[in-house]
Amino acid sequence: MSKRPTLPHAITVFERGWLSSNNILIGGRESAALIDSGYGAHAGQTLSLVEAALAGRPLDALLNTHLHSDHCGGNAALQNAYPALMTFIPPGLSAHVSHWDPHALTYAPTGQSCPQFRFDAVLVPGSEIRLGDLLWQVHAAPGHDPHSVILFEAASRVLVSADALWERGFGVVFPELEGVDAFDAVGKTIDLIESLAPKIVIPGHGPAFASVETSIASARARLDGFVAHPEKHISYAAKVLLKFKLLEVQGLELAAFIAWAHATPYFLLIFNTHFSGLDFSVWVEQLIQDLVRSGAASRDGLMIRNAG
């Protein structure tokens, strides 16, 4: 494993695994900000990490790179703990947050949860925002999510890439699952990241890394593979949704797992759009077997458990 980069002293990363996104705390002389708040089921842990790091100081600002449940599920708990907290979100889905529509926000269709939260302002691409003592650029980063943003601090050349770039790849391209062409947007976002020439990338999941050129090349190769074989991306995405459920509940009997998938509108959309010629139960069980073979799940008779 390559040596991990040293971040500026004002930036602390709480690396959270995969059910919750990473949380990035940025401290300053007079204020502190947090980027992304993790999944709702882990909100207590998010709050404990932030409180311990701040040691009695208030949290002044909360930002979400995008509104997937694993990135904003802790918003409500943080807002309750810090009543003066200013919350910033990307503009694309702000109307649905204002009127709280869990269907338009994708929480109900994906079978995931997100406690209702408020916001105070939007992160306009092309603008800058001061977090702690650092000035960060806001850039649109469509692809994984059409409304996502990334944040870049030019002095230290640190990039908060959310799910637009990981050390090895990028997040599921959700618009593609709905029949919307979005692979081109992924490529343009990767080009944007390359043009920013970051020295350190803090991804939405996994450790911060400095091997940026290698990671960009890996992301492009992965994208090329999905463009050439889009069915591989669709199957990968379906397995990601199943794995997310396993991360949340840790174990389910096979029949209950299939029933959950059948009751989850987004999962049914994937099936009806791309795999309608198959038997639904057989298809789900094949995906589960793929997770078992990869080490991401284990199976004991009819019980499916999280692993890896």
C-alpha atoms as a PDB file:
ATOM      1  CA  MET A   1       0.000   0.000   0.000  1.00  0.00           C
ATOM      2  CA  SER A   2       1.325   3.426  -0.899  1.00  0.00           C
ATOM      3  CA  LYS A   3       2.048   5.911   1.860  1.00  0.00           C
ATOM      4  CA  ARG A   4      -0.940   8.061   2.695  1.00  0.00           C
ATOM      5  CA  PRO A   5      -0.549  11.812   2.163  1.00  0.00           C
ATOM      6  CA  THR A   6      -0.330  14.324   4.996  1.00  0.00           C
ATOM      7  CA  LEU A   7      -3.322  16.625   4.951  1.00  0.00           C
ATOM      8  CA  PRO A   8      -3.196  20.300   5.946  1.00  0.00           C
ATOM      9  CA  HIS A   9      -3.527  20.563   9.728  1.00  0.00           C
ATOM     10  CA  ALA A  10      -6.941  22.218   9.456  1.00  0.00           C
ATOM     11  CA  ILE A  11      -8.482  19.191   7.669  1.00  0.00           C
ATOM     12  CA  THR A  12      -9.536  16.040   9.518  1.00  0.00           C
ATOM     13  CA  VAL A  13     -11.047  13.085   7.666  1.00  0.00           C
ATOM     14  CA  PHE A  14     -13.297  10.625   9.455  1.00  0.00           C
ATOM     15  CA  GLU A  15     -12.998   7.594   7.186  1.00  0.00           C
ATOM     16  CA  ARG A  16     -16.280   5.764   7.583  1.00  0.00           C
ATOM     17  CA  GLY A  17     -16.302   2.730   5.303  1.00  0.00           C
ATOM     18  CA  TRP A  18     -19.153   2.244   2.814  1.00  0.00           C
ATOM     19  CA  LEU A  19     -22.561   2.529   4.492  1.00  0.00           C
ATOM     20  CA  SER A  20     -21.604   6.045   5.568  1.00  0.00           C
ATOM     21  CA  SER A  21     -19.572   8.393   3.426  1.00  0.00           C
ATOM     22  CA  ASN A  22     -16.406   9.956   4.777  1.00  0.00           C
ATOM     23  CA  ASN A  23     -16.876  13.110   6.849  1.00  0.00           C
ATOM     24  CA  ILE A  24     -14.379  15.952   6.353  1.00  0.00           C
ATOM     25  CA  LEU A  25     -13.999  18.411   9.222  1.00  0.00           C
ATOM     26  CA  ILE A  26     -12.347  21.744   8.410  1.00  0.00           C
ATOM     27  CA  GLY A  27     -11.325  23.826  11.388  1.00  0.00           C
ATOM     28  CA  GLY A  28     -10.402  27.503  11.557  1.00  0.00           C
ATOM     29  CA  ARG A  29      -9.559  30.201  14.048  1.00  0.00           C
ATOM     30  CA  GLU A  30     -13.191  31.261  14.383  1.00  0.00           C
ATOM     31  CA  SER A  31     -15.337  28.585  12.724  1.00  0.00           C
ATOM     32  CA  ALA A  32     -15.561  24.927  11.739  1.00  0.00           C
ATOM     33  CA  ALA A  33     -17.320  23.153   8.882  1.00  0.00           C
ATOM     34  CA  LEU A  34     -18.179  19.540   8.073  1.00  0.00           C
ATOM     35  CA  ILE A  35     -18.502  18.128   4.554  1.00  0.00           C
ATOM     36  CA  ASP A  36     -20.984  15.224   4.326  1.00  0.00           C
ATOM     37  CA  SER A  37     -22.620  13.591   7.326  1.00  0.00           C
ATOM     38  CA  GLY A  38     -22.894   9.852   6.639  1.00  0.00           C
ATOM     39  CA  TYR A  39     -25.920   7.550   6.751  1.00  0.00           C
ATOM     40  CA  GLY A  40     -28.837   8.083   9.113  1.00  0.00           C
ATOM     41  CA  ALA A  41     -28.293   4.821  10.992  1.00  0.00           C
ATOM     42  CA  HIS A  42     -24.781   6.033  11.836  1.00  0.00           C
ATOM     43  CA  ALA A  43     -25.778   9.570  12.834  1.00  0.00           C
ATOM     44  CA  GLY A  44     -24.904   8.968  16.478  1.00  0.00           C
ATOM     45  CA  GLN A  45     -21.372   7.980  15.524  1.00  0.00           C
ATOM     46  CA  THR A  46     -21.064  10.999  13.226  1.00  0.00           C
ATOM     47  CA  LEU A  47     -22.124  13.299  16.046  1.00  0.00           C
ATOM     48  CA  SER A  48     -19.702  11.658  18.493  1.00  0.00           C
ATOM     49  CA  LEU A  49     -16.771  12.015  16.081  1.00  0.00           C
ATOM     50  CA  VAL A  50     -17.532  15.677  15.439  1.00  0.00           C
ATOM     51  CA  GLU A  51     -18.078  16.520  19.106  1.00  0.00           C
ATOM     52  CA  ALA A  52     -14.836  14.832  20.139  1.00  0.00           C
ATOM     53  CA  ALA A  53     -12.838  16.631  17.447  1.00  0.00           C
ATOM     54  CA  LEU A  54     -14.352  20.045  18.216  1.00  0.00           C
ATOM     55  CA  ALA A  55     -13.849  19.624  21.977  1.00  0.00           C
ATOM     56  CA  GLY A  56     -16.631  21.986  22.945  1.00  0.00           C
ATOM     57  CA  ARG A  57     -16.414  24.368  20.001  1.00  0.00           C
ATOM     58  CA  PRO A  58     -19.530  24.752  17.838  1.00  0.00           C
ATOM     59  CA  LEU A  59     -19.964  23.384  14.346  1.00  0.00           C
ATOM     60  CA  ASP A  60     -20.801  26.368  12.181  1.00  0.00           C
ATOM     61  CA  ALA A  61     -21.386  24.944   8.697  1.00  0.00           C
ATOM     62  CA  LEU A  62     -22.472  21.655   7.131  1.00  0.00           C
ATOM     63  CA  LEU A  63     -22.092  20.953   3.411  1.00  0.00           C
ATOM     64  CA  ASN A  64     -23.337  18.064   1.290  1.00  0.00           C
ATOM     65  CA  THR A  65     -21.536  17.211  -1.931  1.00  0.00           C
ATOM     66  CA  HIS A  66     -24.747  15.508  -3.075  1.00  0.00           C
ATOM     67  CA  LEU A  67     -27.930  14.225  -1.504  1.00  0.00           C
ATOM     68  CA  HIS A  68     -27.528  10.457  -1.580  1.00  0.00           C
ATOM     69  CA  SER A  69     -28.533   8.997   1.772  1.00  0.00           C
ATOM     70  CA  ASP A  70     -25.005   7.946   2.742  1.00  0.00           C
ATOM     71  CA  HIS A  71     -23.801  11.551   2.426  1.00  0.00           C
ATOM     72  CA  CYS A  72     -26.576  13.491   4.158  1.00  0.00           C
ATOM     73  CA  GLY A  73     -28.258  11.023   6.522  1.00  0.00           C
ATOM     74  CA  GLY A  74     -26.623  12.626   9.556  1.00  0.00           C
ATOM     75  CA  ASN A  75     -27.784  16.149   8.686  1.00  0.00           C
ATOM     76  CA  ALA A  76     -30.827  16.120  10.953  1.00  0.00           C
ATOM     77  CA  ALA A  77     -28.869  14.928  13.992  1.00  0.00           C
ATOM     78  CA  LEU A  78     -26.192  17.582  13.477  1.00  0.00           C
ATOM     79  CA  GLN A  79     -28.803  20.302  13.003  1.00  0.00           C
ATOM     80  CA  ASN A  80     -30.486  19.223  16.229  1.00  0.00           C
ATOM     81  CA  ALA A  81     -27.181  19.259  18.116  1.00  0.00           C
ATOM     82  CA  TYR A  82     -26.063  22.599  16.673  1.00  0.00           C
ATOM     83  CA  PRO A  83     -29.171  24.810  16.244  1.00  0.00           C
ATOM     84  CA  ALA A  84     -27.179  27.676  14.680  1.00  0.00           C
ATOM     85  CA  LEU A  85     -25.662  25.366  12.047  1.00  0.00           C
ATOM     86  CA  MET A  86     -25.748  26.696   8.476  1.00  0.00           C
ATOM     87  CA  THR A  87     -26.415  23.906   5.961  1.00  0.00           C
ATOM     88  CA  PHE A  88     -25.408  24.129   2.293  1.00  0.00           C
ATOM     89  CA  ILE A  89     -26.562  21.706  -0.411  1.00  0.00           C
ATOM     90  CA  PRO A  90     -26.203  21.568  -4.215  1.00  0.00           C
ATOM     91  CA  PRO A  91     -29.046  23.449  -5.916  1.00  0.00           C
ATOM     92  CA  GLY A  92     -30.424  20.674  -8.120  1.00  0.00           C
ATOM     93  CA  LEU A  93     -32.769  19.023  -5.612  1.00  0.00           C
ATOM     94  CA  SER A  94     -33.205  21.922  -3.204  1.00  0.00           C
ATOM     95  CA  ALA A  95     -36.933  22.305  -3.948  1.00  0.00           C
ATOM     96  CA  HIS A  96     -37.505  18.673  -2.957  1.00  0.00           C
ATOM     97  CA  VAL A  97     -35.657  19.257   0.322  1.00  0.00           C
ATOM     98  CA  SER A  98     -37.728  22.371   1.013  1.00  0.00           C
ATOM     99  CA  HIS A  99     -40.971  20.425   0.532  1.00  0.00           C
ATOM    100  CA  TRP A 100     -39.381  17.127   1.642  1.00  0.00           C
ATOM    101  CA  ASP A 101     -40.190  14.626  -1.046  1.00  0.00           C
ATOM    102  CA  PRO A 102     -38.433  11.323  -0.193  1.00  0.00           C
ATOM    103  CA  HIS A 103     -39.468   9.891  -3.567  1.00  0.00           C
ATOM    104  CA  ALA A 104     -37.903  12.677  -5.635  1.00  0.00           C
ATOM    105  CA  LEU A 105     -34.855  12.549  -3.360  1.00  0.00           C
ATOM    106  CA  THR A 106     -34.549   8.788  -4.168  1.00  0.00           C
ATOM    107  CA  TYR A 107     -34.695   7.579  -0.551  1.00  0.00           C
ATOM    108  CA  ALA A 108     -38.016   5.752  -0.843  1.00  0.00           C
ATOM    109  CA  PRO A 109     -37.315   4.252  -4.309  1.00  0.00           C
ATOM    110  CA  THR A 110     -33.945   2.832  -3.209  1.00  0.00           C
ATOM    111  CA  GLY A 111     -35.287   1.387   0.025  1.00  0.00           C
ATOM    112  CA  GLN A 112     -32.990   3.632   2.056  1.00  0.00           C
ATOM    113  CA  SER A 113     -33.745   6.091   4.850  1.00  0.00           C
ATOM    114  CA  CYS A 114     -32.815   9.704   5.469  1.00  0.00           C
ATOM    115  CA  PRO A 115     -34.267  11.747   8.348  1.00  0.00           C
ATOM    116  CA  GLN A 116     -35.756  15.024   7.152  1.00  0.00           C
ATOM    117  CA  PHE A 117     -33.405  17.998   7.308  1.00  0.00           C
ATOM    118  CA  ARG A 118     -33.446  21.650   6.295  1.00  0.00           C
ATOM    119  CA  PHE A 119     -30.977  23.752   4.325  1.00  0.00           C
ATOM    120  CA  ASP A 120     -30.011  27.430   4.436  1.00  0.00           C
ATOM    121  CA  ALA A 121     -28.180  28.035   1.146  1.00  0.00           C
ATOM    122  CA  VAL A 122     -27.042  26.293  -2.025  1.00  0.00           C
ATOM    123  CA  LEU A 123     -23.556  25.516  -3.319  1.00  0.00           C
ATOM    124  CA  VAL A 124     -23.517  27.252  -6.685  1.00  0.00           C
ATOM    125  CA  PRO A 125     -20.975  25.779  -9.138  1.00  0.00           C
ATOM    126  CA  GLY A 126     -18.434  28.422 -10.103  1.00  0.00           C
ATOM    127  CA  SER A 127     -18.610  30.091  -6.702  1.00  0.00           C
ATOM    128  CA  GLU A 128     -16.282  29.954  -3.694  1.00  0.00           C
ATOM    129  CA  ILE A 129     -17.040  29.318  -0.040  1.00  0.00           C
ATOM    130  CA  ARG A 130     -14.880  29.896   3.031  1.00  0.00           C
ATOM    131  CA  LEU A 131     -14.673  26.885   5.332  1.00  0.00           C
ATOM    132  CA  GLY A 132     -12.646  27.540   8.450  1.00  0.00           C
ATOM    133  CA  ASP A 133      -9.790  29.700   7.215  1.00  0.00           C
ATOM    134  CA  LEU A 134      -9.683  28.122   3.750  1.00  0.00           C
ATOM    135  CA  LEU A 135     -11.362  29.268   0.526  1.00  0.00           C
ATOM    136  CA  TRP A 136     -12.843  26.421  -1.504  1.00  0.00           C
ATOM    137  CA  GLN A 137     -13.979  26.406  -5.122  1.00  0.00           C
ATOM    138  CA  VAL A 138     -17.328  24.760  -5.912  1.00  0.00           C
ATOM    139  CA  HIS A 139     -17.407  22.750  -9.159  1.00  0.00           C
ATOM    140  CA  ALA A 140     -20.274  20.838 -10.760  1.00  0.00           C
ATOM    141  CA  ALA A 141     -19.459  17.123 -11.003  1.00  0.00           C
ATOM    142  CA  PRO A 142     -22.307  15.300 -12.773  1.00  0.00           C
ATOM    143  CA  GLY A 143     -22.142  11.599 -13.572  1.00  0.00           C
ATOM    144  CA  HIS A 144     -22.572   9.516 -10.435  1.00  0.00           C
ATOM    145  CA  ASP A 145     -25.262  12.014  -9.478  1.00  0.00           C
ATOM    146  CA  PRO A 146     -26.380  14.742 -11.893  1.00  0.00           C
ATOM    147  CA  HIS A 147     -26.453  17.343  -9.111  1.00  0.00           C
ATOM    148  CA  SER A 148     -23.193  16.517  -7.321  1.00  0.00           C
ATOM    149  CA  VAL A 149     -20.474  19.054  -6.616  1.00  0.00           C
ATOM    150  CA  ILE A 150     -16.814  18.709  -5.711  1.00  0.00           C
ATOM    151  CA  LEU A 151     -14.767  21.166  -3.639  1.00  0.00           C
ATOM    152  CA  PHE A 152     -11.203  22.306  -4.367  1.00  0.00           C
ATOM    153  CA  GLU A 153      -8.834  24.295  -2.140  1.00  0.00           C
ATOM    154  CA  ALA A 154      -6.319  25.872  -4.518  1.00  0.00           C
ATOM    155  CA  ALA A 155      -3.577  26.816  -2.038  1.00  0.00           C
ATOM    156  CA  SER A 156      -2.977  23.270  -0.792  1.00  0.00           C
ATOM    157  CA  ARG A 157      -4.454  21.689  -3.940  1.00  0.00           C
ATOM    158  CA  VAL A 158      -6.749  19.440  -1.912  1.00  0.00           C
ATOM    159  CA  LEU A 159      -9.832  18.114  -3.680  1.00  0.00           C
ATOM    160  CA  VAL A 160     -12.940  16.728  -1.990  1.00  0.00           C
ATOM    161  CA  SER A 161     -14.097  14.486  -4.820  1.00  0.00           C
ATOM    162  CA  ALA A 162     -17.186  12.862  -3.264  1.00  0.00           C
ATOM    163  CA  ASP A 163     -18.082   9.874  -5.485  1.00  0.00           C
ATOM    164  CA  ALA A 164     -16.780  11.421  -8.717  1.00  0.00           C
ATOM    165  CA  LEU A 165     -13.329   9.880  -8.170  1.00  0.00           C
ATOM    166  CA  TRP A 166     -12.166   7.196  -5.777  1.00  0.00           C
ATOM    167  CA  GLU A 167      -8.694   5.779  -5.484  1.00  0.00           C
ATOM    168  CA  ARG A 168      -9.908   2.915  -7.658  1.00  0.00           C
ATOM    169  CA  GLY A 169     -12.853   4.047  -9.723  1.00  0.00           C
ATOM    170  CA  PHE A 170     -15.979   6.080  -9.022  1.00  0.00           C
ATOM    171  CA  GLY A 171     -19.533   5.639  -7.799  1.00  0.00           C
ATOM    172  CA  VAL A 172     -22.385   3.938  -9.637  1.00  0.00           C
ATOM    173  CA  VAL A 173     -23.624   6.117 -12.499  1.00  0.00           C
ATOM    174  CA  PHE A 174     -27.222   6.200 -11.325  1.00  0.00           C
ATOM    175  CA  PRO A 175     -28.752   8.075 -14.302  1.00  0.00           C
ATOM    176  CA  GLU A 176     -27.640   5.211 -16.562  1.00  0.00           C
ATOM    177  CA  LEU A 177     -29.856   2.842 -14.570  1.00  0.00           C
ATOM    178  CA  GLU A 178     -32.837   4.974 -15.503  1.00  0.00           C
ATOM    179  CA  GLY A 179     -31.972   4.962 -19.205  1.00  0.00           C
ATOM    180  CA  VAL A 180     -30.365   8.424 -19.142  1.00  0.00           C
ATOM    181  CA  ASP A 181     -26.998   8.722 -20.903  1.00  0.00           C
ATOM    182  CA  ALA A 182     -24.487   9.827 -18.281  1.00  0.00           C
ATOM    183  CA  PHE A 183     -21.191   8.076 -19.040  1.00  0.00           C
ATOM    184  CA  ASP A 184     -20.123  11.145 -21.032  1.00  0.00           C
ATOM    185  CA  ALA A 185     -20.748  13.308 -17.965  1.00  0.00           C
ATOM    186  CA  VAL A 186     -18.536  10.980 -15.916  1.00  0.00           C
ATOM    187  CA  GLY A 187     -15.739  11.426 -18.448  1.00  0.00           C
ATOM    188  CA  LYS A 188     -16.070  15.217 -18.422  1.00  0.00           C
ATOM    189  CA  THR A 189     -15.963  15.279 -14.629  1.00  0.00           C
ATOM    190  CA  ILE A 190     -12.792  13.186 -14.671  1.00  0.00           C
ATOM    191  CA  ASP A 191     -11.340  15.654 -17.199  1.00  0.00           C
ATOM    192  CA  LEU A 192     -12.268  18.514 -14.864  1.00  0.00           C
ATOM    193  CA  ILE A 193     -10.526  16.853 -11.944  1.00  0.00           C
ATOM    194  CA  GLU A 194      -7.425  16.332 -14.074  1.00  0.00           C
ATOM    195  CA  SER A 195      -7.458  20.014 -15.070  1.00  0.00           C
ATOM    196  CA  LEU A 196      -7.546  21.066 -11.410  1.00  0.00           C
ATOM    197  CA  ALA A 197      -4.348  19.046 -10.869  1.00  0.00           C
ATOM    198  CA  PRO A 198      -4.988  18.195  -7.212  1.00  0.00           C
ATOM    199  CA  LYS A 199      -2.120  16.962  -5.078  1.00  0.00           C
ATOM    200  CA  ILE A 200      -4.392  15.193  -2.599  1.00  0.00           C
ATOM    201  CA  VAL A 201      -7.865  13.770  -3.143  1.00  0.00           C
ATOM    202  CA  ILE A 202     -10.307  13.084  -0.307  1.00  0.00           C
ATOM    203  CA  PRO A 203     -12.913  10.724  -1.782  1.00  0.00           C
ATOM    204  CA  GLY A 204     -16.407  10.011  -0.561  1.00  0.00           C
ATOM    205  CA  HIS A 205     -15.295   6.514   0.446  1.00  0.00           C
ATOM    206  CA  GLY A 206     -11.855   5.153   1.230  1.00  0.00           C
ATOM    207  CA  PRO A 207      -8.673   6.909   2.382  1.00  0.00           C
ATOM    208  CA  ALA A 208      -7.272  10.165   1.043  1.00  0.00           C
ATOM    209  CA  PHE A 209      -4.720   9.579  -1.703  1.00  0.00           C
ATOM    210  CA  ALA A 210      -1.992  11.370  -3.635  1.00  0.00           C
ATOM    211  CA  SER A 211      -1.705   8.910  -6.535  1.00  0.00           C
ATOM    212  CA  VAL A 212      -4.022  11.142  -8.540  1.00  0.00           C
ATOM    213  CA  GLU A 213      -2.715  10.394 -12.038  1.00  0.00           C
ATOM    214  CA  THR A 214      -2.918   6.655 -11.411  1.00  0.00           C
ATOM    215  CA  SER A 215      -6.426   6.963 -10.029  1.00  0.00           C
ATOM    216  CA  ILE A 216      -7.584   9.051 -12.982  1.00  0.00           C
ATOM    217  CA  ALA A 217      -6.171   6.481 -15.400  1.00  0.00           C
ATOM    218  CA  SER A 218      -7.920   3.702 -13.471  1.00  0.00           C
ATOM    219  CA  ALA A 219     -11.223   5.614 -13.531  1.00  0.00           C
ATOM    220  CA  ARG A 220     -10.966   6.157 -17.281  1.00  0.00           C
ATOM    221  CA  ALA A 221     -10.244   2.481 -17.875  1.00  0.00           C
ATOM    222  CA  ARG A 222     -13.235   1.530 -15.737  1.00  0.00           C
ATOM    223  CA  LEU A 223     -15.427   3.996 -17.597  1.00  0.00           C
ATOM    224  CA  ASP A 224     -14.263   2.659 -20.958  1.00  0.00           C
ATOM    225  CA  GLY A 225     -15.195  -0.837 -19.820  1.00  0.00           C
ATOM    226  CA  PHE A 226     -18.679   0.259 -18.819  1.00  0.00           C
ATOM    227  CA  VAL A 227     -19.186   2.139 -22.095  1.00  0.00           C
ATOM    228  CA  ALA A 228     -18.168  -0.964 -24.047  1.00  0.00           C
ATOM    229  CA  HIS A 229     -20.258  -3.295 -21.867  1.00  0.00           C
ATOM    230  CA  PRO A 230     -23.044  -1.287 -20.184  1.00  0.00           C
ATOM    231  CA  GLU A 231     -24.654  -4.480 -18.940  1.00  0.00           C
ATOM    232  CA  LYS A 232     -21.685  -4.936 -16.592  1.00  0.00           C
ATOM    233  CA  HIS A 233     -22.362  -1.541 -15.039  1.00  0.00           C
ATOM    234  CA  ILE A 234     -26.047  -2.384 -14.574  1.00  0.00           C
ATOM    235  CA  SER A 235     -25.255  -5.658 -12.799  1.00  0.00           C
ATOM    236  CA  TYR A 236     -22.598  -3.925 -10.705  1.00  0.00           C
ATOM    237  CA  ALA A 237     -25.130  -1.279  -9.672  1.00  0.00           C
ATOM    238  CA  ALA A 238     -27.721  -3.874  -8.675  1.00  0.00           C
ATOM    239  CA  LYS A 239     -25.133  -5.620  -6.506  1.00  0.00           C
ATOM    240  CA  VAL A 240     -24.194  -2.299  -4.905  1.00  0.00           C
ATOM    241  CA  LEU A 241     -27.820  -1.795  -3.838  1.00  0.00           C
ATOM    242  CA  LEU A 242     -27.941  -5.302  -2.377  1.00  0.00           C
ATOM    243  CA  LYS A 243     -24.642  -4.801  -0.579  1.00  0.00           C
ATOM    244  CA  PHE A 244     -25.855  -1.480   0.846  1.00  0.00           C
ATOM    245  CA  LYS A 245     -28.867  -3.266   2.333  1.00  0.00           C
ATOM    246  CA  LEU A 246     -26.604  -5.925   3.839  1.00  0.00           C
ATOM    247  CA  LEU A 247     -24.374  -3.241   5.332  1.00  0.00           C
ATOM    248  CA  GLU A 248     -27.445  -1.707   6.933  1.00  0.00           C
ATOM    249  CA  VAL A 249     -29.067  -4.841   8.378  1.00  0.00           C
ATOM    250  CA  GLN A 250     -25.990  -7.180   8.414  1.00  0.00           C
ATOM    251  CA  GLY A 251     -28.074 -10.247   7.598  1.00  0.00           C
ATOM    252  CA  LEU A 252     -31.311 -11.375   5.933  1.00  0.00           C
ATOM    253  CA  GLU A 253     -32.894 -14.686   5.026  1.00  0.00           C
ATOM    254  CA  LEU A 254     -32.911 -15.250   1.280  1.00  0.00           C
ATOM    255  CA  ALA A 255     -36.699 -15.008   0.959  1.00  0.00           C
ATOM    256  CA  ALA A 256     -36.760 -11.741   2.917  1.00  0.00           C
ATOM    257  CA  PHE A 257     -33.908 -10.369   0.800  1.00  0.00           C
ATOM    258  CA  ILE A 258     -35.762 -11.192  -2.432  1.00  0.00           C
ATOM    259  CA  ALA A 259     -38.969  -9.710  -0.983  1.00  0.00           C
ATOM    260  CA  TRP A 260     -37.121  -6.503  -0.073  1.00  0.00           C
ATOM    261  CA  ALA A 261     -35.710  -6.241  -3.601  1.00  0.00           C
ATOM    262  CA  HIS A 262     -39.166  -6.824  -5.108  1.00  0.00           C
ATOM    263  CA  ALA A 263     -40.659  -4.109  -2.884  1.00  0.00           C
ATOM    264  CA  THR A 264     -37.928  -1.596  -3.736  1.00  0.00           C
ATOM    265  CA  PRO A 265     -39.031   0.522  -6.735  1.00  0.00           C
ATOM    266  CA  TYR A 266     -35.525   1.354  -7.929  1.00  0.00           C
ATOM    267  CA  PHE A 267     -34.546  -2.301  -7.935  1.00  0.00           C
ATOM    268  CA  LEU A 268     -37.665  -3.153  -9.898  1.00  0.00           C
ATOM    269  CA  LEU A 269     -36.833  -0.362 -12.352  1.00  0.00           C
ATOM    270  CA  ILE A 270     -33.425  -1.906 -13.010  1.00  0.00           C
ATOM    271  CA  PHE A 271     -34.992  -5.325 -13.516  1.00  0.00           C
ATOM    272  CA  ASN A 272     -37.843  -4.186 -15.742  1.00  0.00           C
ATOM    273  CA  THR A 273     -35.590  -1.951 -17.845  1.00  0.00           C
ATOM    274  CA  HIS A 274     -32.684  -4.314 -18.317  1.00  0.00           C
ATOM    275  CA  PHE A 275     -33.474  -7.888 -17.193  1.00  0.00           C
ATOM    276  CA  SER A 276     -37.211  -8.399 -17.705  1.00  0.00           C
ATOM    277  CA  GLY A 277     -36.632 -11.619 -19.650  1.00  0.00           C
ATOM    278  CA  LEU A 278     -35.340 -13.338 -16.507  1.00  0.00           C
ATOM    279  CA  ASP A 279     -37.141 -14.691 -13.464  1.00  0.00           C
ATOM    280  CA  PHE A 280     -36.872 -11.987 -10.772  1.00  0.00           C
ATOM    281  CA  SER A 281     -36.076 -14.311  -7.863  1.00  0.00           C
ATOM    282  CA  VAL A 282     -33.495 -16.228  -9.858  1.00  0.00           C
ATOM    283  CA  TRP A 283     -31.876 -12.952 -10.963  1.00  0.00           C
ATOM    284  CA  VAL A 284     -31.605 -11.655  -7.388  1.00  0.00           C
ATOM    285  CA  GLU A 285     -30.198 -14.954  -6.153  1.00  0.00           C
ATOM    286  CA  GLN A 286     -27.581 -14.870  -8.935  1.00  0.00           C
ATOM    287  CA  LEU A 287     -26.549 -11.378  -7.813  1.00  0.00           C
ATOM    288  CA  ILE A 288     -26.302 -12.587  -4.225  1.00  0.00           C
ATOM    289  CA  GLN A 289     -24.146 -15.506  -5.329  1.00  0.00           C
ATOM    290  CA  ASP A 290     -21.873 -13.023  -7.114  1.00  0.00           C
ATOM    291  CA  LEU A 291     -21.514 -11.101  -3.840  1.00  0.00           C
ATOM    292  CA  VAL A 292     -20.685 -14.352  -2.031  1.00  0.00           C
ATOM    293  CA  ARG A 293     -18.087 -15.338  -4.627  1.00  0.00           C
ATOM    294  CA  SER A 294     -16.442 -11.914  -4.381  1.00  0.00           C
ATOM    295  CA  GLY A 295     -16.277 -12.115  -0.582  1.00  0.00           C
ATOM    296  CA  ALA A 296     -18.711  -9.222  -0.100  1.00  0.00           C
ATOM    297  CA  ALA A 297     -21.330 -11.536   1.449  1.00  0.00           C
ATOM    298  CA  SER A 298     -21.502 -14.960   3.030  1.00  0.00           C
ATOM    299  CA  ARG A 299     -24.230 -17.571   2.908  1.00  0.00           C
ATOM    300  CA  ASP A 300     -25.218 -20.117   5.524  1.00  0.00           C
ATOM    301  CA  GLY A 301     -28.100 -22.084   4.096  1.00  0.00           C
ATOM    302  CA  LEU A 302     -30.852 -19.543   3.507  1.00  0.00           C
ATOM    303  CA  MET A 303     -29.222 -16.814   5.597  1.00  0.00           C
ATOM    304  CA  ILE A 304     -27.272 -14.106   3.728  1.00  0.00           C
ATOM    305  CA  ARG A 305     -24.831 -12.074   5.816  1.00  0.00           C
ATOM    306  CA  ASN A 306     -22.609  -9.092   5.218  1.00  0.00           C
ATOM    307  CA  ALA A 307     -18.920  -9.886   4.776  1.00  0.00           C
ATOM    308  CA  GLY A 308     -15.793  -8.206   3.525  1.00  0.00           C
END
